[in-house]
C-alpha atoms as a PDB file:
ATOM      1  CA  MET A   1     -17.946   6.518  23.543  1.00  0.00           C
ATOM      2  CA  ASN A   2     -16.200   5.368  20.338  1.00  0.00           C
ATOM      3  CA  LEU A   3     -16.333   1.566  20.498  1.00  0.00           C
ATOM      4  CA  GLU A   4     -15.620  -0.679  17.506  1.00  0.00           C
ATOM      5  CA  THR A   5     -17.257  -4.092  17.193  1.00  0.00           C
ATOM      6  CA  LYS A   6     -13.998  -5.743  16.155  1.00  0.00           C
ATOM      7  CA  TRP A   7     -12.480  -4.714  19.498  1.00  0.00           C
ATOM      8  CA  LEU A   8     -15.236  -6.609  21.296  1.00  0.00           C
ATOM      9  CA  GLU A   9     -14.600  -9.663  19.127  1.00  0.00           C
ATOM     10  CA  ASP A  10     -10.871  -9.349  19.860  1.00  0.00           C
ATOM     11  CA  PHE A  11     -11.572  -9.212  23.592  1.00  0.00           C
ATOM     12  CA  VAL A  12     -13.815 -12.292  23.489  1.00  0.00           C
ATOM     13  CA  ALA A  13     -11.076 -14.169  21.593  1.00  0.00           C
ATOM     14  CA  LEU A  14      -8.431 -13.098  24.126  1.00  0.00           C
ATOM     15  CA  ALA A  15     -10.631 -14.199  27.034  1.00  0.00           C
ATOM     16  CA  SER A  16     -10.847 -17.627  25.394  1.00  0.00           C
ATOM     17  CA  THR A  17      -7.169 -18.159  24.465  1.00  0.00           C
ATOM     18  CA  ARG A  18      -5.490 -16.103  27.235  1.00  0.00           C
ATOM     19  CA  SER A  19      -2.720 -15.444  24.686  1.00  0.00           C
ATOM     20  CA  PHE A  20      -2.131 -12.352  22.548  1.00  0.00           C
ATOM     21  CA  SER A  21      -0.279 -14.325  19.852  1.00  0.00           C
ATOM     22  CA  ALA A  22      -2.898 -17.084  19.638  1.00  0.00           C
ATOM     23  CA  SER A  23      -5.731 -14.551  19.565  1.00  0.00           C
ATOM     24  CA  ALA A  24      -4.001 -12.545  16.839  1.00  0.00           C
ATOM     25  CA  ARG A  25      -3.794 -15.675  14.676  1.00  0.00           C
ATOM     26  CA  GLN A  26      -7.421 -16.445  15.371  1.00  0.00           C
ATOM     27  CA  ARG A  27      -8.433 -12.894  14.436  1.00  0.00           C
ATOM     28  CA  HIS A  28      -6.213 -12.931  11.303  1.00  0.00           C
ATOM     29  CA  VAL A  29      -4.123  -9.888  12.235  1.00  0.00           C
ATOM     30  CA  THR A  30      -0.543  -9.370  13.322  1.00  0.00           C
ATOM     31  CA  GLN A  31       0.155  -9.486  17.055  1.00  0.00           C
ATOM     32  CA  PRO A  32       1.173  -5.779  17.307  1.00  0.00           C
ATOM     33  CA  ALA A  33      -2.071  -4.767  15.601  1.00  0.00           C
ATOM     34  CA  PHE A  34      -4.099  -7.020  17.910  1.00  0.00           C
ATOM     35  CA  SER A  35      -2.407  -5.573  21.001  1.00  0.00           C
ATOM     36  CA  ARG A  36      -3.151  -2.017  19.838  1.00  0.00           C
ATOM     37  CA  ARG A  37      -6.815  -2.891  19.350  1.00  0.00           C
ATOM     38  CA  ILE A  38      -7.131  -4.303  22.886  1.00  0.00           C
ATOM     39  CA  ARG A  39      -5.558  -1.123  24.264  1.00  0.00           C
ATOM     40  CA  SER A  40      -7.981   0.963  22.190  1.00  0.00           C
ATOM     41  CA  LEU A  41     -10.871  -0.993  23.741  1.00  0.00           C
ATOM     42  CA  GLU A  42      -9.518  -0.345  27.234  1.00  0.00           C
ATOM     43  CA  GLN A  43      -9.169   3.372  26.470  1.00  0.00           C
ATOM     44  CA  ALA A  44     -12.734   3.474  25.137  1.00  0.00           C
ATOM     45  CA  VAL A  45     -14.277   1.837  28.227  1.00  0.00           C
ATOM     46  CA  GLY A  46     -11.950   3.673  30.591  1.00  0.00           C
ATOM     47  CA  VAL A  47     -10.644   0.687  32.600  1.00  0.00           C
ATOM     48  CA  THR A  48      -7.912  -1.951  32.345  1.00  0.00           C
ATOM     49  CA  LEU A  49      -9.487  -5.189  31.142  1.00  0.00           C
ATOM     50  CA  VAL A  50      -6.426  -7.430  30.841  1.00  0.00           C
ATOM     51  CA  ASP A  51      -3.769  -8.272  33.407  1.00  0.00           C
ATOM     52  CA  ARG A  52      -0.612  -8.487  31.284  1.00  0.00           C
ATOM     53  CA  SER A  53       1.677  -9.321  34.212  1.00  0.00           C
ATOM     54  CA  THR A  54       0.689 -12.997  34.209  1.00  0.00           C
ATOM     55  CA  THR A  55       1.394 -15.834  31.773  1.00  0.00           C
ATOM     56  CA  PRO A  56      -1.009 -16.783  30.377  1.00  0.00           C
ATOM     57  CA  VAL A  57      -2.682 -13.391  30.544  1.00  0.00           C
ATOM     58  CA  ASP A  58      -5.724 -13.016  32.760  1.00  0.00           C
ATOM     59  CA  LEU A  59      -8.692 -10.686  32.915  1.00  0.00           C
ATOM     60  CA  THR A  60      -8.977  -8.058  35.613  1.00  0.00           C
ATOM     61  CA  PRO A  61     -12.152  -8.068  37.736  1.00  0.00           C
ATOM     62  CA  GLU A  62     -13.448  -5.285  35.480  1.00  0.00           C
ATOM     63  CA  GLY A  63     -12.523  -7.386  32.449  1.00  0.00           C
ATOM     64  CA  GLN A  64     -14.421 -10.409  33.719  1.00  0.00           C
ATOM     65  CA  LEU A  65     -17.509  -8.276  34.274  1.00  0.00           C
ATOM     66  CA  PHE A  66     -17.202  -6.627  30.855  1.00  0.00           C
ATOM     67  CA  LEU A  67     -16.760 -10.021  29.147  1.00  0.00           C
ATOM     68  CA  VAL A  68     -20.423 -10.875  29.760  1.00  0.00           C
ATOM     69  CA  THR A  69     -21.535  -7.692  27.980  1.00  0.00           C
ATOM     70  CA  ALA A  70     -19.040  -8.148  25.150  1.00  0.00           C
ATOM     71  CA  ARG A  71     -20.163 -11.726  24.464  1.00  0.00           C
ATOM     72  CA  ASN A  72     -23.825 -10.757  24.420  1.00  0.00           C
ATOM     73  CA  ILE A  73     -23.232  -7.899  21.976  1.00  0.00           C
ATOM     74  CA  VAL A  74     -21.080 -10.006  19.646  1.00  0.00           C
ATOM     75  CA  GLU A  75     -23.531 -12.939  19.645  1.00  0.00           C
ATOM     76  CA  GLN A  76     -26.560 -10.736  18.986  1.00  0.00           C
ATOM     77  CA  LEU A  77     -24.793  -8.825  16.233  1.00  0.00           C
ATOM     78  CA  ASN A  78     -23.557 -11.974  14.490  1.00  0.00           C
ATOM     79  CA  GLU A  79     -27.034 -13.495  14.623  1.00  0.00           C
ATOM     80  CA  SER A  80     -28.586 -10.383  13.073  1.00  0.00           C
ATOM     81  CA  LEU A  81     -25.945 -10.079  10.374  1.00  0.00           C
ATOM     82  CA  GLY A  82     -26.303 -13.742   9.485  1.00  0.00           C
ATOM     83  CA  HIS A  83     -29.947 -13.139   8.624  1.00  0.00           C
ATOM     84  CA  LEU A  84     -29.221  -9.957   6.678  1.00  0.00           C
ATOM     85  CA  ARG A  85     -26.209 -10.959   4.644  1.00  0.00           C
ATOM     86  CA  GLY A  86     -27.056 -14.405   3.380  1.00  0.00           C
ATOM     87  CA  LEU A  87     -24.660 -15.104   0.570  1.00  0.00           C
ATOM     88  CA  ALA A  88     -23.760 -11.443  -0.014  1.00  0.00           C
ATOM     89  CA  MET A  89     -20.210 -11.915   1.281  1.00  0.00           C
ATOM     90  CA  ALA A  90     -19.270 -13.822  -1.859  1.00  0.00           C
ATOM     91  CA  ASN A  91     -19.989 -10.721  -3.966  1.00  0.00           C
ATOM     92  CA  GLU A  92     -18.543  -8.131  -1.584  1.00  0.00           C
ATOM     93  CA  ALA A  93     -16.178  -5.604  -3.169  1.00  0.00           C
ATOM     94  CA  LEU A  94     -12.472  -5.941  -2.440  1.00  0.00           C
ATOM     95  CA  ASP A  95     -10.795  -3.000  -0.704  1.00  0.00           C
ATOM     96  CA  ILE A  96      -7.531  -2.107  -2.441  1.00  0.00           C
ATOM     97  CA  VAL A  97      -5.006   0.534  -1.433  1.00  0.00           C
ATOM     98  CA  ALA A  98      -2.500   1.739  -4.009  1.00  0.00           C
ATOM     99  CA  ALA A  99       0.321   4.223  -4.421  1.00  0.00           C
ATOM    100  CA  HIS A 100      -1.008   7.485  -5.886  1.00  0.00           C
ATOM    101  CA  SER A 101       0.690   7.159  -9.266  1.00  0.00           C
ATOM    102  CA  LEU A 102      -0.406   3.519  -9.628  1.00  0.00           C
ATOM    103  CA  ALA A 103      -3.992   4.405  -8.727  1.00  0.00           C
ATOM    104  CA  LEU A 104      -4.145   7.185 -11.315  1.00  0.00           C
ATOM    105  CA  SER A 105      -2.125   5.866 -14.243  1.00  0.00           C
ATOM    106  CA  PHE A 106      -1.705   2.099 -13.841  1.00  0.00           C
ATOM    107  CA  TYR A 107      -4.711   0.617 -12.046  1.00  0.00           C
ATOM    108  CA  PRO A 108      -7.498   1.332 -14.607  1.00  0.00           C
ATOM    109  CA  GLN A 109      -5.679  -0.443 -17.434  1.00  0.00           C
ATOM    110  CA  TRP A 110      -4.490  -3.297 -15.219  1.00  0.00           C
ATOM    111  CA  ILE A 111      -7.854  -4.075 -13.593  1.00  0.00           C
ATOM    112  CA  SER A 112      -9.563  -3.946 -16.992  1.00  0.00           C
ATOM    113  CA  ARG A 113      -7.126  -6.510 -18.353  1.00  0.00           C
ATOM    114  CA  LEU A 114      -7.403  -8.699 -15.259  1.00  0.00           C
ATOM    115  CA  GLN A 115     -11.188  -8.830 -15.595  1.00  0.00           C
ATOM    116  CA  GLN A 116     -10.800 -10.177 -19.112  1.00  0.00           C
ATOM    117  CA  GLY A 117      -9.451 -13.328 -17.491  1.00  0.00           C
ATOM    118  CA  LEU A 118     -11.535 -13.392 -14.294  1.00  0.00           C
ATOM    119  CA  GLY A 119     -14.811 -11.755 -15.149  1.00  0.00           C
ATOM    120  CA  GLU A 120     -16.422  -8.909 -13.213  1.00  0.00           C
ATOM    121  CA  LEU A 121     -14.430  -7.968 -10.102  1.00  0.00           C
ATOM    122  CA  PRO A 122     -16.024  -5.406  -7.734  1.00  0.00           C
ATOM    123  CA  THR A 123     -13.333  -3.276  -6.075  1.00  0.00           C
ATOM    124  CA  ARG A 124     -12.961  -0.142  -3.956  1.00  0.00           C
ATOM    125  CA  LEU A 125      -9.686   1.727  -4.511  1.00  0.00           C
ATOM    126  CA  VAL A 126      -8.057   4.229  -2.166  1.00  0.00           C
ATOM    127  CA  ALA A 127      -4.882   6.080  -3.187  1.00  0.00           C
ATOM    128  CA  MET A 128      -2.237   6.873  -0.564  1.00  0.00           C
ATOM    129  CA  ASN A 129       1.517   6.974  -0.191  1.00  0.00           C
ATOM    130  CA  VAL A 130       3.307   3.628   0.042  1.00  0.00           C
ATOM    131  CA  GLY A 131       4.178   3.983   3.721  1.00  0.00           C
ATOM    132  CA  ASP A 132       0.552   4.559   4.688  1.00  0.00           C
ATOM    133  CA  ALA A 133      -0.588   1.726   2.411  1.00  0.00           C
ATOM    134  CA  ILE A 134       1.769  -0.697   4.162  1.00  0.00           C
ATOM    135  CA  HIS A 135       0.384   0.391   7.533  1.00  0.00           C
ATOM    136  CA  VAL A 136      -3.205  -0.153   6.359  1.00  0.00           C
ATOM    137  CA  LEU A 137      -2.330  -3.640   5.048  1.00  0.00           C
ATOM    138  CA  ARG A 138      -0.543  -4.589   8.279  1.00  0.00           C
ATOM    139  CA  GLU A 139      -3.502  -3.411  10.353  1.00  0.00           C
ATOM    140  CA  GLY A 140      -5.880  -5.583   8.338  1.00  0.00           C
ATOM    141  CA  ASN A 141      -7.857  -2.559   7.123  1.00  0.00           C
ATOM    142  CA  CYS A 142      -7.667  -3.450   3.416  1.00  0.00           C
ATOM    143  CA  ASP A 143      -7.772  -6.638   1.357  1.00  0.00           C
ATOM    144  CA  LEU A 144      -5.009  -5.948  -1.151  1.00  0.00           C
ATOM    145  CA  MET A 145      -2.195  -3.461  -1.722  1.00  0.00           C
ATOM    146  CA  LEU A 146      -0.865  -2.387  -5.118  1.00  0.00           C
ATOM    147  CA  ALA A 147       2.613  -0.967  -4.646  1.00  0.00           C
ATOM    148  CA  TYR A 148       6.114  -0.598  -5.987  1.00  0.00           C
ATOM    149  CA  TYR A 149       8.821  -3.015  -4.929  1.00  0.00           C
ATOM    150  CA  ASP A 150      12.528  -2.229  -4.916  1.00  0.00           C
ATOM    151  CA  PRO A 151      14.837  -4.842  -3.328  1.00  0.00           C
ATOM    152  CA  TYR A 152      17.308  -2.069  -2.452  1.00  0.00           C
ATOM    153  CA  ALA A 153      14.666   0.123  -0.799  1.00  0.00           C
ATOM    154  CA  SER A 154      12.642  -2.700   0.654  1.00  0.00           C
ATOM    155  CA  MET A 155       9.290  -2.162   2.375  1.00  0.00           C
ATOM    156  CA  GLN A 156      10.319  -4.737   5.012  1.00  0.00           C
ATOM    157  CA  LEU A 157       7.292  -6.984   4.504  1.00  0.00           C
ATOM    158  CA  ASP A 158       7.592 -10.614   5.573  1.00  0.00           C
ATOM    159  CA  ALA A 159       7.021 -12.625   2.381  1.00  0.00           C
ATOM    160  CA  GLU A 160       5.282 -15.452   4.272  1.00  0.00           C
ATOM    161  CA  VAL A 161       2.817 -13.163   6.032  1.00  0.00           C
ATOM    162  CA  PHE A 162       2.413 -10.798   3.066  1.00  0.00           C
ATOM    163  CA  PRO A 163       2.718 -12.818  -0.161  1.00  0.00           C
ATOM    164  CA  SER A 164       2.722 -10.933  -3.437  1.00  0.00           C
ATOM    165  CA  PHE A 165       2.208 -11.278  -7.171  1.00  0.00           C
ATOM    166  CA  TYR A 166       4.592  -9.674  -9.645  1.00  0.00           C
ATOM    167  CA  ILE A 167       2.348  -7.792 -12.048  1.00  0.00           C
ATOM    168  CA  GLY A 168       4.631  -5.434 -13.928  1.00  0.00           C
ATOM    169  CA  GLN A 169       7.933  -3.668 -14.436  1.00  0.00           C
ATOM    170  CA  VAL A 170       8.331   0.088 -14.419  1.00  0.00           C
ATOM    171  CA  LYS A 171      11.253   2.429 -14.961  1.00  0.00           C
ATOM    172  CA  MET A 172      11.605   5.851 -13.428  1.00  0.00           C
ATOM    173  CA  LEU A 173      12.954   8.178 -16.098  1.00  0.00           C
ATOM    174  CA  PRO A 174      14.678  11.550 -15.639  1.00  0.00           C
ATOM    175  CA  VAL A 175      12.643  13.973 -17.766  1.00  0.00           C
ATOM    176  CA  CYS A 176      12.300  17.695 -18.437  1.00  0.00           C
ATOM    177  CA  LEU A 177      10.964  20.028 -21.130  1.00  0.00           C
ATOM    178  CA  PRO A 178      12.852  20.310 -24.438  1.00  0.00           C
ATOM    179  CA  ASP A 179      14.568  23.486 -25.599  1.00  0.00           C
ATOM    180  CA  GLU A 180      13.950  25.050 -29.033  1.00  0.00           C
ATOM    181  CA  GLN A 181      16.182  22.427 -30.686  1.00  0.00           C
ATOM    182  CA  GLY A 182      14.344  19.557 -28.980  1.00  0.00           C
ATOM    183  CA  ARG A 183      17.196  18.825 -26.604  1.00  0.00           C
ATOM    184  CA  PRO A 184      16.711  18.567 -22.817  1.00  0.00           C
ATOM    185  CA  ARG A 185      16.425  21.992 -21.216  1.00  0.00           C
ATOM    186  CA  PHE A 186      18.083  20.690 -18.054  1.00  0.00           C
ATOM    187  CA  PRO A 187      20.443  17.854 -19.148  1.00  0.00           C
ATOM    188  CA  LEU A 188      22.051  15.601 -16.563  1.00  0.00           C
ATOM    189  CA  GLU A 189      25.290  15.575 -18.548  1.00  0.00           C
ATOM    190  CA  GLY A 190      27.356  18.729 -18.280  1.00  0.00           C
ATOM    191  CA  GLN A 191      28.480  21.049 -15.518  1.00  0.00           C
ATOM    192  CA  GLU A 192      25.511  23.357 -15.052  1.00  0.00           C
ATOM    193  CA  SER A 193      23.369  23.445 -11.920  1.00  0.00           C
ATOM    194  CA  ILE A 194      20.035  21.649 -12.457  1.00  0.00           C
ATOM    195  CA  PRO A 195      16.702  22.731 -10.913  1.00  0.00           C
ATOM    196  CA  TYR A 196      15.602  19.505  -9.273  1.00  0.00           C
ATOM    197  CA  LEU A 197      11.992  18.460  -8.653  1.00  0.00           C
ATOM    198  CA  ALA A 198      12.305  15.955  -5.828  1.00  0.00           C
ATOM    199  CA  TYR A 199      10.237  13.471  -3.862  1.00  0.00           C
ATOM    200  CA  THR A 200       9.826  14.267  -0.190  1.00  0.00           C
ATOM    201  CA  GLN A 201      12.035  12.478   2.327  1.00  0.00           C
ATOM    202  CA  GLY A 202       9.527   9.776   3.281  1.00  0.00           C
ATOM    203  CA  ALA A 203       8.284   9.024  -0.254  1.00  0.00           C
ATOM    204  CA  PHE A 204       9.090   5.489  -1.439  1.00  0.00           C
ATOM    205  CA  LEU A 205      10.008   6.598  -4.963  1.00  0.00           C
ATOM    206  CA  GLY A 206      12.284   9.233  -3.474  1.00  0.00           C
ATOM    207  CA  ARG A 207      14.312   6.583  -1.652  1.00  0.00           C
ATOM    208  CA  SER A 208      14.881   4.753  -4.917  1.00  0.00           C
ATOM    209  CA  VAL A 209      16.131   7.904  -6.662  1.00  0.00           C
ATOM    210  CA  ARG A 210      18.356   8.849  -3.730  1.00  0.00           C
ATOM    211  CA  MET A 211      19.989   5.424  -3.863  1.00  0.00           C
ATOM    212  CA  LEU A 212      20.771   5.958  -7.547  1.00  0.00           C
ATOM    213  CA  LEU A 213      22.381   9.328  -6.831  1.00  0.00           C
ATOM    214  CA  LYS A 214      23.999   8.415  -3.510  1.00  0.00           C
ATOM    215  CA  ASN A 215      27.603   8.202  -4.725  1.00  0.00           C
ATOM    216  CA  ASP A 216      27.293  10.084  -7.998  1.00  0.00           C
ATOM    217  CA  PRO A 217      28.826  13.556  -8.562  1.00  0.00           C
ATOM    218  CA  LEU A 218      25.555  14.600 -10.227  1.00  0.00           C
ATOM    219  CA  ARG A 219      24.047  14.905  -6.750  1.00  0.00           C
ATOM    220  CA  MET A 220      26.122  18.047  -6.163  1.00  0.00           C
ATOM    221  CA  ARG A 221      24.642  19.753  -9.242  1.00  0.00           C
ATOM    222  CA  LEU A 222      20.992  19.144  -8.303  1.00  0.00           C
ATOM    223  CA  ARG A 223      19.380  22.251  -6.806  1.00  0.00           C
ATOM    224  CA  THR A 224      16.099  21.251  -5.172  1.00  0.00           C
ATOM    225  CA  VAL A 225      13.383  23.778  -6.076  1.00  0.00           C
ATOM    226  CA  TYR A 226      10.268  21.737  -5.281  1.00  0.00           C
ATOM    227  CA  GLU A 227       9.284  18.629  -3.301  1.00  0.00           C
ATOM    228  CA  THR A 228       6.177  16.447  -3.177  1.00  0.00           C
ATOM    229  CA  ALA A 229       5.382  12.828  -2.335  1.00  0.00           C
ATOM    230  CA  MET A 230       3.390  12.299  -5.550  1.00  0.00           C
ATOM    231  CA  ALA A 231       4.801  11.484  -8.996  1.00  0.00           C
ATOM    232  CA  GLU A 232       1.837  13.219 -10.662  1.00  0.00           C
ATOM    233  CA  GLY A 233       2.712  16.385  -8.745  1.00  0.00           C
ATOM    234  CA  LEU A 234       6.272  16.277 -10.067  1.00  0.00           C
ATOM    235  CA  LYS A 235       4.975  15.624 -13.571  1.00  0.00           C
ATOM    236  CA  GLY A 236       2.853  18.763 -13.366  1.00  0.00           C
ATOM    237  CA  MET A 237       5.899  20.840 -12.410  1.00  0.00           C
ATOM    238  CA  VAL A 238       7.957  19.276 -15.216  1.00  0.00           C
ATOM    239  CA  MET A 239       5.217  20.255 -17.688  1.00  0.00           C
ATOM    240  CA  GLN A 240       5.493  23.838 -16.446  1.00  0.00           C
ATOM    241  CA  GLY A 241       9.224  23.863 -17.198  1.00  0.00           C
ATOM    242  CA  MET A 242      10.246  24.109 -13.554  1.00  0.00           C
ATOM    243  CA  GLY A 243      13.034  21.512 -13.666  1.00  0.00           C
ATOM    244  CA  THR A 244      14.004  17.853 -13.994  1.00  0.00           C
ATOM    245  CA  ALA A 245      12.338  14.951 -12.160  1.00  0.00           C
ATOM    246  CA  TRP A 246      12.338  11.160 -12.121  1.00  0.00           C
ATOM    247  CA  ILE A 247       8.854  10.002 -13.179  1.00  0.00           C
ATOM    248  CA  PRO A 248       7.467   6.443 -13.642  1.00  0.00           C
ATOM    249  CA  ASP A 249       7.412   5.750 -17.367  1.00  0.00           C
ATOM    250  CA  PHE A 250       3.705   4.881 -17.542  1.00  0.00           C
ATOM    251  CA  CYS A 251       2.884   8.353 -16.151  1.00  0.00           C
ATOM    252  CA  ILE A 252       4.785  10.190 -18.870  1.00  0.00           C
ATOM    253  CA  ARG A 253       4.615   7.813 -21.857  1.00  0.00           C
ATOM    254  CA  GLN A 254       2.259   9.879 -24.033  1.00  0.00           C
ATOM    255  CA  GLU A 255       4.107  13.150 -23.389  1.00  0.00           C
ATOM    256  CA  LEU A 256       7.385  11.476 -24.407  1.00  0.00           C
ATOM    257  CA  ARG A 257       5.851  10.122 -27.623  1.00  0.00           C
ATOM    258  CA  GLU A 258       4.507  13.541 -28.519  1.00  0.00           C
ATOM    259  CA  GLY A 259       7.810  15.255 -27.717  1.00  0.00           C
ATOM    260  CA  ARG A 260       6.273  17.508 -25.075  1.00  0.00           C
ATOM    261  CA  VAL A 261       8.889  16.210 -22.629  1.00  0.00           C
ATOM    262  CA  VAL A 262      12.264  14.583 -23.274  1.00  0.00           C
ATOM    263  CA  ARG A 263      14.728  12.477 -21.371  1.00  0.00           C
ATOM    264  CA  ALA A 264      17.173  14.512 -19.346  1.00  0.00           C
ATOM    265  CA  GLY A 265      19.658  11.625 -19.491  1.00  0.00           C
ATOM    266  CA  ASP A 266      20.156   8.214 -21.116  1.00  0.00           C
ATOM    267  CA  GLU A 267      19.235   4.747 -19.782  1.00  0.00           C
ATOM    268  CA  HIS A 268      22.143   4.917 -17.338  1.00  0.00           C
ATOM    269  CA  TRP A 269      19.941   7.147 -15.184  1.00  0.00           C
ATOM    270  CA  ASP A 270      16.825   4.953 -15.228  1.00  0.00           C
ATOM    271  CA  VAL A 271      15.580   3.441 -11.950  1.00  0.00           C
ATOM    272  CA  PRO A 272      13.941  -0.005 -12.482  1.00  0.00           C
ATOM    273  CA  LEU A 273      11.136  -1.011 -10.130  1.00  0.00           C
ATOM    274  CA  GLU A 274       8.640  -3.851  -9.896  1.00  0.00           C
ATOM    275  CA  ILE A 275       4.902  -3.475  -9.319  1.00  0.00           C
ATOM    276  CA  ARG A 276       3.381  -6.067  -7.012  1.00  0.00           C
ATOM    277  CA  LEU A 277      -0.015  -6.930  -5.572  1.00  0.00           C
ATOM    278  CA  TYR A 278       0.135  -7.830  -1.868  1.00  0.00           C
ATOM    279  CA  ARG A 279      -2.240  -9.540   0.557  1.00  0.00           C
ATOM    280  CA  CYS A 280      -2.035 -10.614   4.202  1.00  0.00           C
ATOM    281  CA  SER A 281      -2.009 -14.410   4.546  1.00  0.00           C
ATOM    282  CA  LEU A 282      -3.500 -14.124   8.040  1.00  0.00           C
ATOM    283  CA  VAL A 283      -6.741 -12.732   6.599  1.00  0.00           C
ATOM    284  CA  HIS A 284      -9.013 -15.318   4.968  1.00  0.00           C
ATOM    285  CA  LYS A 285     -11.742 -13.249   3.341  1.00  0.00           C
ATOM    286  CA  PRO A 286     -13.578 -15.464   0.798  1.00  0.00           C
ATOM    287  CA  GLY A 287     -13.303 -12.907  -2.016  1.00  0.00           C
ATOM    288  CA  VAL A 288      -9.543 -12.517  -1.546  1.00  0.00           C
ATOM    289  CA  GLU A 289      -8.979 -16.265  -1.365  1.00  0.00           C
ATOM    290  CA  LYS A 290     -10.967 -16.763  -4.561  1.00  0.00           C
ATOM    291  CA  LEU A 291      -9.110 -13.984  -6.412  1.00  0.00           C
ATOM    292  CA  TRP A 292      -5.714 -15.303  -5.310  1.00  0.00           C
ATOM    293  CA  ARG A 293      -6.522 -18.835  -6.495  1.00  0.00           C
ATOM    294  CA  GLN A 294      -7.805 -17.556  -9.832  1.00  0.00           C
ATOM    295  CA  MET A 295      -4.769 -15.349 -10.390  1.00  0.00           C
ATOM    296  CA  MET A 296      -2.453 -18.313  -9.834  1.00  0.00           C
ATOM    297  CA  LYS A 297      -4.180 -20.110 -12.735  1.00  0.00           C
ATOM    298  CA  LEU A 298      -3.927 -17.218 -15.196  1.00  0.00           C
ATOM    299  CA  PRO A 299      -1.139 -16.905 -17.765  1.00  0.00           C
ATOM    300  CA  ARG A 300       1.521 -14.488 -16.511  1.00  0.00           C
ATOM    301  CA  ASP A 301       0.758 -11.880 -19.179  1.00  0.00           C
ATOM    302  CA  PHE A 302      -2.835 -11.548 -17.922  1.00  0.00           C
ATOM    303  CA  LEU A 303      -1.516 -10.181 -14.643  1.00  0.00           C
ATOM    304  CA  GLN A 304       0.509  -7.462 -16.317  1.00  0.00           C
ATOM    305  CA  ALA A 305      -0.815  -4.237 -17.802  1.00  0.00           C
END
């Protein structure tokens, strides 16, 4: 039986409030996430614990019986953990999820600079695509999310529930290898067909590029030869001379300086994006609260890499 402790704590809270919305607030998660966790508990124990047909909700006979066990387990576990943890929670590492390109090329420099203003900051970083990162944040399974923000390709996050800090500006640049004269091998200007290295359909950066090209005749000249969700994957294909791609500038800055890649078009083709750090306001982890307060006191340039 796969049974998570947080499901038991959710169930005890629901038995007390008899309200999914009130229990979700108490447990510091969104109501859809809370409802899914109660259903997961019911699937794990193999019976229906909650009668959802009544208002307020009630427990089934099986739920009332199971409540005794759930309360005992939660109380014993909390008592044991209280002895073991002491003050350790104050120094617990923060779990951060980040878009792949930000995790690889942006995060190390940014976190180093941030620690100059805050001191040592233990973190655990997991890279994933933006869609998955949003899901993890909404489910309460991470403390912070480092992601791109584009008002025209919005991630649909409620600003009150998921407040954010602006921590940088990035441009996506169309780049390719140079020819023997140092000019773009696959220029956007002209009439020739262009081998196009594209983001996959669900990739956040891909939506931003598609919006740029939506009503432009250039779209008809782009011949997709490769797709991936990751900017670093497109960069690798660009470096092999396979075509033109839009890459975040911080991923390709050194190669541009050294002339190993060149712009395939001028600034007209750039895609501006913001980088933001998100949290869930329903979650009140001491380390996150402390970081958020400290960041609000820092000069703006300390938050930007």
